[in-house]
Amino acid sequence: MDINQRAIDEGILFTDQYQLTMAQLYFRMGLHERRVQFDHFFRDYPDYGSHQAGFCVNAGMAWLLEWMARARFGDQEIQVLREMKTATGGQLFADDFLAWLRKAGDFSGISMQAIPEGRVVHPNEPLTVVQGPLAMAQILETSLLNHLNYQVLIATKAARIREIGRGGLMLEFGLRRAHDRGANAGARAALIGGADFSSNVGASARVGFPAKGTHAHSMVQLFIALGQTELDAFRAFAELYPDDCLLLVDTIDSLESGVPNAIVVFEELRRKGHKPVGIRLDSGDLAYLSIQAAKMLDQAGFPEASIVLSNNLDELVIWQIITQITEEAPRYGVEADKLISRLVYGVGTRLITSWGEPALGGVYKLVAVSEGEVWIPAIKISESVAKTPNPGNKRVWRLYDRRGKATADLLCLEGEDPRQMAPLTLHHPTEHTKYRLLKQDEVTDIEPLLEEVMVEGRQVGDAPGIDAIRQRRSEDIGRLDTGVRRIMNPHIYHVSLSQRLWDLKQELIRKAMQSLPNNFREK
């Protein structure tokens, strides 16, 4: 059979082998169509070493749903599985199991709820709830985690950069340094998290945004190698793009050559009725160079020209640049606030790779198994108490205080409605002695976070556009305490359990421990 390799490695076999071997075990035991619930959540915020996140931004669901809509077990996929062998050379997947897979075909039995993209999210709360036949829900795990974890990671990094940049324009420049086609998902997540535009042409087109960029040092180098000058290169670029002229000025010397030559070209454009966009600085002391370039541009009559900064920027580097400008700009007669407001941040490597924290610890855990119409809670006991997931069929609620700020997220069992509870008991997920009591007048709003996104394999509604997702992000971050938004040592945002969920979790832990041999229990 002539196998379309791209369709194979990016289709329904975009999964780990053990998902399929487990699925065959469930099939052999007659459990493959038993309905189950898995929760997808992450355990810890990204920790970048010198600084930490105090919140995350949810992202990735739209692309997961697209993948699920086209992923299916066809003839090619079944043939790949049929050819897989055991250690002794036998057929790893039996023909009857393969026949069932071919008949099952796809994820049409799966239903999902999720916290919408763009919403602020926190550790140990379900971002995605999957219900469906056991075998297919198990096979879904790997791709779900792949699609969602990375985009959450990049959207979070972008949101932090957006926060520290005081709302300055932000461009995602990471395509060349990204991990293969992960660049496309990264560009989308960056746009959700706070980037205004991306240089990635294909990914930008896919989400309906114009791509943005400047030019490379090689353009100036080429002109010089051919016996011309930096000024000639700038003029050629300006002639072709008179209304989109943004010039990279550090190929030779930013202040002695690049900025003066850019000003000459900008004056020529202005005489022709065009408005230049600005300059880009890609090396050196970016704070000092920004101050001096701003002074030169102001004196030449271009106070609105943008100054694009690039070269290994992230939230901490941008914070340092802004701090230095605030302190030093007045010394040179430049208004710091006006200069900061015209800065544009071209963020590449450290955004697209989530520099300092390369992966989100997102997991996919079985939390309930159906028995007819009843959901039986399931739990995994870990040596680390923090790794013991919250069992059962749950809902996620966000509580807002008198200031309208988010004060806690509350996990409740299905059927519980915290809007009907007074006072509210909020249990710490693992600490027996830690809980809060909230009186009715201490909570001004209680909002459910999970929404249906798929019912029996059919997507619910149309996926929102990036603009709508970004609006959600902006509103959610705006309702966080300043301490939670802080770049360094953020305050802890509490994700709590209802009294009923806390009691259920403790009961399941107690029963699980009672089933252990005495010598293990004594440990």
Protein backbone atom coordinates (compact mmCIF):
# COMPACT_ATOMS: atom_id res chain seq x y z
CA MET A 1 0.00 0.00 0.00
CA ASP A 2 1.28 3.46 -0.89
CA ILE A 3 1.07 5.29 2.42
CA ASN A 4 0.69 9.07 2.60
CA GLN A 5 3.26 9.59 5.33
CA ARG A 6 2.19 13.12 6.28
CA ALA A 7 -1.39 11.97 6.73
CA ILE A 8 -0.16 9.11 8.92
CA ASP A 9 2.13 10.99 11.27
CA GLU A 10 -0.21 13.96 11.70
CA GLY A 11 -3.50 12.04 11.76
CA ILE A 12 -5.06 9.80 14.38
CA LEU A 13 -1.76 7.94 14.82
CA PHE A 14 -0.29 11.17 16.19
CA THR A 15 -0.31 9.40 19.55
CA ASP A 16 1.86 7.24 21.79
CA GLN A 17 1.95 3.50 21.24
CA TYR A 18 0.87 2.72 24.78
CA GLN A 19 -2.47 4.46 24.18
CA LEU A 20 -3.20 1.86 21.51
CA THR A 21 -1.94 -1.12 23.50
CA MET A 22 -4.14 -0.05 26.43
CA ALA A 23 -7.07 0.39 24.05
CA GLN A 24 -6.61 -3.18 22.85
CA LEU A 25 -6.54 -4.39 26.47
CA TYR A 26 -9.82 -2.57 27.17
CA PHE A 27 -11.27 -4.13 24.01
CA ARG A 28 -10.21 -7.60 25.11
CA MET A 29 -11.81 -7.06 28.53
CA GLY A 30 -15.03 -5.70 27.05
CA LEU A 31 -14.47 -2.27 28.62
CA HIS A 32 -13.63 -0.34 25.46
CA GLU A 33 -17.05 1.31 25.17
CA ARG A 34 -17.52 1.98 28.89
CA ARG A 35 -18.00 5.74 29.29
CA VAL A 36 -15.33 7.48 31.32
CA GLN A 37 -14.21 10.99 32.19
CA PHE A 38 -10.69 12.34 31.92
CA ASP A 39 -9.63 15.77 33.19
CA HIS A 40 -6.84 17.77 31.55
CA PHE A 41 -5.08 20.18 33.93
CA PHE A 42 -1.60 21.40 34.80
CA ARG A 43 0.03 21.14 38.21
CA ASP A 44 2.29 24.20 38.40
CA TYR A 45 2.70 27.60 36.80
CA PRO A 46 5.74 28.06 34.54
CA ASP A 47 8.86 28.83 36.56
CA TYR A 48 11.49 30.60 34.47
CA GLY A 49 14.19 30.38 37.12
CA SER A 50 14.73 34.05 37.90
CA HIS A 51 11.01 34.81 37.76
CA GLN A 52 7.70 32.94 37.85
CA ALA A 53 4.20 33.12 36.43
CA GLY A 54 1.24 33.78 38.71
CA PHE A 55 -1.37 32.86 36.11
CA CYS A 56 -1.68 31.10 32.74
CA VAL A 57 -3.72 31.85 29.62
CA ASN A 58 -5.71 29.03 28.09
CA ALA A 59 -5.16 28.32 24.38
CA GLY A 60 -5.12 25.60 21.73
CA MET A 61 -8.68 24.23 21.74
CA ALA A 62 -9.66 25.44 18.24
CA TRP A 63 -6.74 23.59 16.65
CA LEU A 64 -7.41 20.47 18.71
CA LEU A 65 -11.02 20.44 17.50
CA GLU A 66 -9.83 20.86 13.90
CA TRP A 67 -7.50 17.88 14.33
CA MET A 68 -10.21 15.73 15.92
CA ALA A 69 -12.61 16.50 13.05
CA ARG A 70 -10.23 15.02 10.46
CA ALA A 71 -8.50 12.29 12.52
CA ARG A 72 -9.83 8.81 11.77
CA PHE A 73 -8.78 5.18 11.40
CA GLY A 74 -8.76 4.54 7.68
CA ASP A 75 -7.22 1.75 5.63
CA GLN A 76 -3.73 3.25 5.78
CA GLU A 77 -3.78 3.65 9.56
CA ILE A 78 -5.07 0.11 10.08
CA GLN A 79 -2.34 -1.24 7.80
CA VAL A 80 0.34 0.54 9.84
CA LEU A 81 -1.01 -1.03 13.02
CA ARG A 82 -1.35 -4.47 11.41
CA GLU A 83 2.34 -4.45 10.54
CA MET A 84 3.46 -3.71 14.11
CA LYS A 85 5.05 -6.77 15.77
CA THR A 86 5.54 -8.15 19.26
CA ALA A 87 9.00 -8.98 20.63
CA THR A 88 8.59 -12.52 19.29
CA GLY A 89 7.44 -11.43 15.84
CA GLY A 90 3.72 -11.89 16.28
CA GLN A 91 1.07 -9.35 15.30
CA LEU A 92 0.90 -6.70 18.05
CA PHE A 93 -2.67 -5.70 17.29
CA ALA A 94 -5.14 -8.49 16.64
CA ASP A 95 -7.42 -8.45 13.61
CA ASP A 96 -10.63 -8.27 15.64
CA PHE A 97 -9.35 -5.20 17.51
CA LEU A 98 -8.27 -3.60 14.23
CA ALA A 99 -11.69 -4.32 12.75
CA TRP A 100 -13.29 -2.57 15.72
CA LEU A 101 -10.96 0.41 15.32
CA ARG A 102 -11.83 0.65 11.63
CA LYS A 103 -15.54 0.54 12.44
CA ALA A 104 -15.25 3.03 15.34
CA GLY A 105 -13.36 5.21 12.92
CA ASP A 106 -13.02 8.50 14.77
CA PHE A 107 -13.86 10.54 17.87
CA SER A 108 -17.59 10.69 17.19
CA GLY A 109 -18.39 9.35 20.66
CA ILE A 110 -16.42 12.03 22.49
CA SER A 111 -17.98 14.98 24.33
CA MET A 112 -15.88 17.77 25.82
CA GLN A 113 -16.21 20.78 28.04
CA ALA A 114 -13.45 23.34 28.33
CA ILE A 115 -12.54 26.68 29.81
CA PRO A 116 -12.61 28.97 26.74
CA GLU A 117 -9.41 30.05 25.04
CA GLY A 118 -8.07 33.35 26.29
CA ARG A 119 -9.36 32.86 29.84
CA VAL A 120 -6.94 33.03 32.73
CA VAL A 121 -6.43 29.56 34.25
CA HIS A 122 -4.66 28.11 37.28
CA PRO A 123 -3.10 24.83 38.46
CA ASN A 124 -5.16 21.75 39.29
CA GLU A 125 -8.43 22.96 37.78
CA PRO A 126 -9.82 21.12 34.74
CA LEU A 127 -9.08 23.11 31.59
CA THR A 128 -10.65 20.34 29.51
CA VAL A 129 -13.11 17.63 30.52
CA VAL A 130 -13.38 14.64 28.18
CA GLN A 131 -16.23 12.13 28.37
CA GLY A 132 -16.69 9.19 26.03
CA PRO A 133 -15.91 5.55 25.29
CA LEU A 134 -12.84 4.43 27.21
CA ALA A 135 -10.70 3.25 24.30
CA MET A 136 -11.14 6.36 22.16
CA ALA A 137 -10.86 8.71 25.13
CA GLN A 138 -7.56 7.01 25.95
CA ILE A 139 -6.25 7.29 22.38
CA LEU A 140 -7.09 11.01 22.45
CA GLU A 141 -4.79 11.75 25.40
CA THR A 142 -1.46 12.31 23.67
CA SER A 143 -2.68 14.58 20.91
CA LEU A 144 -4.87 16.57 23.29
CA LEU A 145 -1.90 17.26 25.54
CA ASN A 146 0.29 18.07 22.55
CA HIS A 147 -2.20 20.55 21.09
CA LEU A 148 -3.12 22.27 24.35
CA ASN A 149 -0.08 22.32 26.64
CA TYR A 150 2.25 24.13 24.25
CA GLN A 151 -0.21 26.81 23.28
CA VAL A 152 -1.04 27.49 26.94
CA LEU A 153 2.70 27.83 27.62
CA ILE A 154 3.30 30.32 24.79
CA ALA A 155 0.10 32.31 25.36
CA THR A 156 1.14 32.70 29.00
CA LYS A 157 4.63 33.91 28.07
CA ALA A 158 3.17 36.37 25.56
CA ALA A 159 0.71 37.70 28.14
CA ARG A 160 3.55 38.35 30.58
CA ILE A 161 5.54 40.19 27.93
CA ARG A 162 2.45 42.21 27.05
CA GLU A 163 1.95 43.12 30.70
CA ILE A 164 5.49 44.33 31.30
CA GLY A 165 5.59 46.22 27.99
CA ARG A 166 2.89 48.63 29.22
CA GLY A 167 0.67 47.86 26.27
CA GLY A 168 3.34 48.64 23.67
CA LEU A 169 2.96 47.05 20.25
CA MET A 170 4.35 43.52 20.25
CA LEU A 171 5.49 41.46 17.26
CA GLU A 172 6.13 37.70 17.31
CA PHE A 173 9.39 36.99 15.43
CA GLY A 174 10.10 33.39 16.45
CA LEU A 175 9.64 31.30 13.30
CA ARG A 176 13.33 30.74 12.57
CA ARG A 177 14.12 29.62 16.13
CA ALA A 178 11.01 27.54 16.76
CA HIS A 179 10.76 23.77 16.97
CA ASP A 180 9.76 22.77 13.44
CA ARG A 181 6.01 23.21 12.77
CA GLY A 182 5.46 24.09 16.38
CA ALA A 183 6.17 27.60 15.11
CA ASN A 184 2.64 27.78 13.72
CA ALA A 185 0.94 26.82 16.97
CA GLY A 186 3.35 29.12 18.80
CA ALA A 187 2.49 32.07 16.57
CA ARG A 188 -1.23 31.52 17.16
CA ALA A 189 -0.75 31.22 20.91
CA ALA A 190 1.41 34.36 20.95
CA LEU A 191 -1.36 36.27 19.20
CA ILE A 192 -3.83 35.04 21.81
CA GLY A 193 -1.51 35.93 24.67
CA GLY A 194 -0.64 39.45 23.63
CA ALA A 195 1.32 39.73 20.39
CA ASP A 196 -0.33 42.20 18.02
CA PHE A 197 1.13 40.60 14.90
CA SER A 198 3.45 37.79 13.80
CA SER A 199 6.11 37.63 11.11
CA ASN A 200 4.93 34.08 10.30
CA VAL A 201 3.10 34.54 7.01
CA GLY A 202 1.30 31.19 6.85
CA ALA A 203 0.18 31.13 10.49
CA SER A 204 -0.97 34.75 10.26
CA ALA A 205 -3.04 33.99 7.16
CA ARG A 206 -4.61 30.97 8.86
CA VAL A 207 -5.93 33.08 11.74
CA GLY A 208 -6.85 36.07 9.58
CA PHE A 209 -4.11 38.50 10.58
CA PRO A 210 -1.67 40.41 8.36
CA ALA A 211 1.95 39.36 8.79
CA LYS A 212 4.40 42.07 9.83
CA GLY A 213 8.15 42.45 9.49
CA THR A 214 11.05 44.71 8.52
CA HIS A 215 14.12 43.75 6.50
CA ALA A 216 17.34 41.87 7.27
CA HIS A 217 20.92 43.00 7.73
CA SER A 218 21.69 41.08 4.53
CA MET A 219 19.93 43.72 2.44
CA VAL A 220 22.33 46.42 3.62
CA GLN A 221 25.29 44.04 3.39
CA LEU A 222 24.40 43.25 -0.22
CA PHE A 223 24.34 46.89 -1.28
CA ILE A 224 27.69 47.54 0.42
CA ALA A 225 29.25 44.43 -1.17
CA LEU A 226 28.14 45.74 -4.57
CA GLY A 227 29.89 49.08 -4.00
CA GLN A 228 26.89 51.07 -2.78
CA THR A 229 25.97 52.36 0.69
CA GLU A 230 23.60 51.83 3.59
CA LEU A 231 21.78 54.96 2.43
CA ASP A 232 21.32 53.43 -1.02
CA ALA A 233 19.83 50.31 0.55
CA PHE A 234 17.43 52.36 2.67
CA ARG A 235 16.37 54.41 -0.37
CA ALA A 236 15.68 51.31 -2.41
CA PHE A 237 13.53 49.85 0.36
CA ALA A 238 11.67 53.14 0.83
CA GLU A 239 11.00 53.47 -2.88
CA LEU A 240 9.36 50.05 -2.98
CA TYR A 241 7.51 50.41 0.34
CA PRO A 242 6.96 54.14 0.87
CA ASP A 243 4.05 53.70 3.29
CA ASP A 244 5.53 50.73 5.16
CA CYS A 245 9.07 51.95 5.61
CA LEU A 246 10.64 50.58 8.78
CA LEU A 247 14.44 50.50 8.57
CA LEU A 248 16.90 48.25 10.44
CA VAL A 249 19.63 50.68 11.47
CA ASP A 250 22.35 48.66 13.25
CA THR A 251 24.16 46.91 10.37
CA ILE A 252 27.10 49.36 10.52
CA ASP A 253 26.68 51.79 13.44
CA SER A 254 23.25 52.63 14.81
CA LEU A 255 23.87 56.22 15.92
CA GLU A 256 26.66 57.27 13.56
CA SER A 257 25.24 55.76 10.36
CA GLY A 258 21.93 53.93 10.65
CA VAL A 259 19.71 56.53 12.31
CA PRO A 260 21.14 59.51 10.35
CA ASN A 261 20.64 57.65 7.07
CA ALA A 262 17.14 56.64 8.09
CA ILE A 263 16.32 60.29 8.83
CA VAL A 264 17.54 61.32 5.37
CA VAL A 265 15.21 58.76 3.79
CA PHE A 266 12.32 59.71 6.08
CA GLU A 267 12.68 63.37 5.06
CA GLU A 268 12.59 62.34 1.40
CA LEU A 269 9.46 60.28 2.02
CA ARG A 270 7.78 63.13 3.86
CA ARG A 271 8.43 65.51 0.96
CA LYS A 272 6.64 63.01 -1.26
CA GLY A 273 3.64 62.86 1.08
CA HIS A 274 4.44 59.60 2.84
CA LYS A 275 4.67 58.88 6.57
CA PRO A 276 7.59 56.66 7.60
CA VAL A 277 6.90 53.92 10.14
CA GLY A 278 10.15 53.98 12.11
CA ILE A 279 13.42 52.22 12.83
CA ARG A 280 14.50 48.89 14.30
CA LEU A 281 17.37 48.28 16.73
CA ASP A 282 18.63 44.69 16.94
CA SER A 283 21.88 44.88 18.92
CA GLY A 284 23.76 46.82 21.57
CA ASP A 285 22.43 48.60 24.65
CA LEU A 286 18.84 48.84 23.49
CA ALA A 287 17.74 51.23 26.24
CA TYR A 288 20.56 53.73 25.60
CA LEU A 289 20.26 53.43 21.83
CA SER A 290 16.48 53.99 22.07
CA ILE A 291 17.01 57.20 24.02
CA GLN A 292 19.57 58.55 21.57
CA ALA A 293 17.58 57.47 18.50
CA ALA A 294 14.44 59.08 19.92
CA LYS A 295 16.33 62.33 20.51
CA MET A 296 17.62 62.34 16.93
CA LEU A 297 14.23 61.48 15.43
CA ASP A 298 12.51 64.16 17.53
CA GLN A 299 14.98 66.82 16.46
CA ALA A 300 14.42 65.83 12.82
CA GLY A 301 10.66 66.23 13.22
CA PHE A 302 9.66 62.56 13.54
CA PRO A 303 8.35 62.33 17.14
CA GLU A 304 5.84 59.64 16.21
CA ALA A 305 8.26 57.29 14.46
CA SER A 306 8.24 53.88 16.11
CA ILE A 307 11.38 52.35 17.58
CA VAL A 308 11.26 48.57 17.24
CA LEU A 309 13.50 46.64 19.61
CA SER A 310 14.55 43.04 19.03
CA ASN A 311 17.33 40.62 20.06
CA ASN A 312 16.49 38.04 22.72
CA LEU A 313 13.73 40.02 24.41
CA ASP A 314 11.50 38.56 27.09
CA GLU A 315 9.52 40.03 29.98
CA LEU A 316 12.55 40.45 32.24
CA VAL A 317 14.71 42.07 29.55
CA ILE A 318 11.90 44.46 28.59
CA TRP A 319 11.40 45.36 32.27
CA GLN A 320 15.12 46.19 32.49
CA ILE A 321 14.97 48.31 29.32
CA ILE A 322 11.96 50.28 30.56
CA THR A 323 13.57 50.79 33.97
CA GLN A 324 16.77 52.08 32.39
CA ILE A 325 14.88 54.43 30.06
CA THR A 326 12.83 55.78 32.97
CA GLU A 327 16.02 56.59 34.88
CA GLU A 328 18.25 57.84 32.04
CA ALA A 329 16.03 59.50 29.43
CA PRO A 330 15.53 62.81 31.33
CA ARG A 331 19.32 63.23 31.45
CA TYR A 332 19.29 63.56 27.65
CA GLY A 333 16.21 65.75 27.44
CA VAL A 334 13.93 62.90 26.33
CA GLU A 335 10.56 62.34 28.01
CA ALA A 336 10.66 58.75 29.25
CA ASP A 337 6.92 58.09 29.09
CA LYS A 338 6.65 59.36 25.51
CA LEU A 339 9.61 57.24 24.45
CA ILE A 340 8.24 54.12 26.15
CA SER A 341 4.88 54.64 24.44
CA ARG A 342 6.50 54.54 20.98
CA LEU A 343 8.51 51.36 21.59
CA VAL A 344 7.59 48.19 19.71
CA TYR A 345 8.87 44.83 20.93
CA GLY A 346 9.95 42.21 18.39
CA VAL A 347 10.03 39.06 20.50
CA GLY A 348 11.43 35.89 18.98
CA THR A 349 13.47 33.06 20.49
CA ARG A 350 12.56 33.59 24.13
CA LEU A 351 8.85 33.67 23.38
CA ILE A 352 8.49 30.85 20.85
CA THR A 353 10.61 28.49 23.01
CA SER A 354 9.20 29.70 26.36
CA TRP A 355 12.75 30.43 27.45
CA GLY A 356 13.43 29.14 30.97
CA GLU A 357 10.42 26.79 31.12
CA PRO A 358 10.24 24.64 27.98
CA ALA A 359 7.15 22.59 28.83
CA LEU A 360 3.88 22.90 30.71
CA GLY A 361 3.22 20.07 33.14
CA GLY A 362 -0.22 19.39 31.73
CA VAL A 363 -1.67 15.96 32.48
CA TYR A 364 -4.74 13.90 31.53
CA LYS A 365 -6.15 11.86 34.38
CA LEU A 366 -9.05 9.44 34.73
CA VAL A 367 -11.44 10.88 37.32
CA ALA A 368 -14.72 8.99 36.82
CA VAL A 369 -16.20 5.84 35.28
CA SER A 370 -19.87 5.46 34.40
CA GLU A 371 -22.14 2.79 35.84
CA GLY A 372 -25.32 3.25 33.85
CA GLU A 373 -26.41 6.83 34.54
CA VAL A 374 -24.14 7.17 37.58
CA TRP A 375 -20.56 8.43 37.55
CA ILE A 376 -18.26 6.49 39.89
CA PRO A 377 -15.36 8.72 41.01
CA ALA A 378 -11.83 7.44 40.40
CA ILE A 379 -8.64 8.53 42.10
CA LYS A 380 -4.87 8.02 41.71
CA ILE A 381 -2.86 7.95 44.93
CA SER A 382 0.63 9.42 44.66
CA GLU A 383 3.53 9.58 47.10
CA SER A 384 3.37 13.32 46.48
CA VAL A 385 0.10 14.59 47.95
CA ALA A 386 0.08 17.44 45.45
CA LYS A 387 -0.06 14.90 42.59
CA THR A 388 -3.27 13.25 43.81
CA PRO A 389 -5.90 14.53 41.36
CA ASN A 390 -9.34 15.73 42.38
CA PRO A 391 -11.83 12.93 41.63
CA GLY A 392 -15.30 12.84 40.14
CA ASN A 393 -17.42 14.74 37.67
CA LYS A 394 -16.70 18.38 38.53
CA ARG A 395 -17.44 21.96 37.59
CA VAL A 396 -15.19 25.03 37.87
CA TRP A 397 -16.45 28.34 39.22
CA ARG A 398 -14.71 31.73 39.55
CA LEU A 399 -15.47 33.92 42.55
CA TYR A 400 -15.14 37.72 42.49
CA ASP A 401 -14.77 39.91 45.56
CA ARG A 402 -16.23 43.33 46.42
CA ARG A 403 -13.68 45.04 44.16
CA GLY A 404 -14.72 42.91 41.19
CA LYS A 405 -11.38 41.09 41.35
CA ALA A 406 -11.09 37.31 40.97
CA THR A 407 -10.44 36.00 44.49
CA ALA A 408 -10.52 32.21 43.97
CA ASP A 409 -11.55 29.40 41.64
CA LEU A 410 -13.73 26.74 43.22
CA LEU A 411 -14.04 23.11 42.12
CA CYS A 412 -17.43 21.57 42.90
CA LEU A 413 -19.06 18.25 42.15
CA GLU A 414 -21.67 18.15 39.41
CA GLY A 415 -24.98 19.37 40.78
CA GLU A 416 -23.42 21.75 43.28
CA ASP A 417 -24.06 25.44 42.66
CA PRO A 418 -21.97 27.77 44.83
CA ARG A 419 -24.40 30.58 44.02
CA GLN A 420 -26.84 28.77 46.29
CA MET A 421 -24.37 28.25 49.15
CA ALA A 422 -23.91 30.68 52.03
CA PRO A 423 -21.45 30.85 53.57
CA LEU A 424 -19.05 29.27 51.12
CA THR A 425 -16.41 26.86 52.41
CA LEU A 426 -13.24 26.83 50.30
CA HIS A 427 -10.89 23.96 51.15
CA HIS A 428 -7.21 23.91 50.27
CA PRO A 429 -6.77 20.96 47.83
CA THR A 430 -4.28 19.09 50.03
CA GLU A 431 -3.92 20.77 53.45
CA HIS A 432 -6.43 19.57 56.05
CA THR A 433 -6.21 22.67 58.22
CA LYS A 434 -6.42 25.31 55.52
CA TYR A 435 -9.82 26.61 54.43
CA ARG A 436 -11.72 29.87 53.98
CA LEU A 437 -15.27 30.84 54.84
CA LEU A 438 -16.77 33.48 52.54
CA LYS A 439 -19.94 35.26 53.57
CA GLN A 440 -22.52 36.17 50.97
CA ASP A 441 -21.61 39.87 50.97
CA GLU A 442 -17.91 39.04 50.38
CA VAL A 443 -18.64 37.62 46.92
CA THR A 444 -20.15 39.90 44.26
CA ASP A 445 -20.21 37.42 41.38
CA ILE A 446 -19.79 33.68 40.80
CA GLU A 447 -19.15 32.55 37.25
CA PRO A 448 -19.06 29.03 35.74
CA LEU A 449 -15.94 28.56 33.60
CA LEU A 450 -16.46 25.30 31.71
CA GLU A 451 -18.41 25.44 28.44
CA GLU A 452 -19.46 22.70 26.02
CA VAL A 453 -17.19 22.55 22.99
CA MET A 454 -18.06 19.09 21.61
CA VAL A 455 -21.07 16.80 21.94
CA GLU A 456 -20.79 13.24 20.59
CA GLY A 457 -18.03 14.25 18.20
CA ARG A 458 -19.73 17.40 16.90
CA GLN A 459 -18.25 20.80 17.63
CA VAL A 460 -20.60 23.14 19.48
CA GLY A 461 -20.85 26.51 17.74
CA ASP A 462 -18.16 28.25 15.74
CA ALA A 463 -14.69 28.83 17.11
CA PRO A 464 -14.28 32.49 18.13
CA GLY A 465 -11.79 34.65 16.26
CA ILE A 466 -8.47 35.76 17.71
CA ASP A 467 -9.82 39.24 18.47
CA ALA A 468 -12.60 37.83 20.66
CA ILE A 469 -10.16 35.48 22.42
CA ARG A 470 -7.77 38.36 23.08
CA GLN A 471 -10.61 40.42 24.53
CA ARG A 472 -11.29 37.60 27.00
CA ARG A 473 -7.63 37.53 27.97
CA SER A 474 -7.48 41.27 28.50
CA GLU A 475 -10.62 41.29 30.64
CA ASP A 476 -9.53 38.32 32.75
CA ILE A 477 -6.05 39.68 33.42
CA GLY A 478 -7.62 43.04 34.28
CA ARG A 479 -9.64 41.33 37.01
CA LEU A 480 -6.59 39.76 38.65
CA ASP A 481 -4.98 41.28 41.70
CA THR A 482 -1.86 43.28 40.91
CA GLY A 483 0.13 40.90 43.08
CA VAL A 484 -0.95 37.89 41.01
CA ARG A 485 0.07 39.73 37.81
CA ARG A 486 3.49 40.57 39.19
CA ILE A 487 6.46 39.38 37.11
CA MET A 488 8.60 38.51 40.15
CA ASN A 489 7.33 36.48 43.13
CA PRO A 490 3.62 36.71 42.33
CA HIS A 491 0.96 36.18 44.96
CA ILE A 492 -0.64 32.73 45.02
CA TYR A 493 -4.10 32.56 43.45
CA HIS A 494 -6.19 29.98 45.27
CA VAL A 495 -7.92 27.06 43.59
CA SER A 496 -10.12 25.49 46.25
CA LEU A 497 -12.45 22.52 46.73
CA SER A 498 -16.04 22.57 47.89
CA GLN A 499 -16.87 20.79 51.12
CA ARG A 500 -18.50 17.86 49.27
CA LEU A 501 -15.56 17.44 46.89
CA TRP A 502 -13.08 17.64 49.77
CA ASP A 503 -15.02 14.98 51.69
CA LEU A 504 -15.21 12.71 48.63
CA LYS A 505 -11.49 13.03 47.97
CA GLN A 506 -10.60 12.16 51.57
CA GLU A 507 -12.97 9.18 51.57
CA LEU A 508 -11.45 7.78 48.38
CA ILE A 509 -7.94 8.26 49.73
CA ARG A 510 -8.93 6.50 52.96
CA LYS A 511 -10.42 3.54 51.08
CA ALA A 512 -7.39 3.26 48.81
CA MET A 513 -5.03 3.27 51.77
CA GLN A 514 -7.10 0.61 53.56
CA SER A 515 -6.63 -1.69 50.60
CA LEU A 516 -2.84 -1.62 51.03
CA PRO A 517 -0.98 -4.28 53.02
CA ASN A 518 -0.35 -3.24 56.63
CA ASN A 519 3.38 -2.72 56.14
CA PHE A 520 2.73 -0.20 53.34
CA ARG A 521 0.04 1.62 55.31
CA GLU A 522 2.41 2.06 58.23
CA LYS A 523 4.81 3.96 56.01
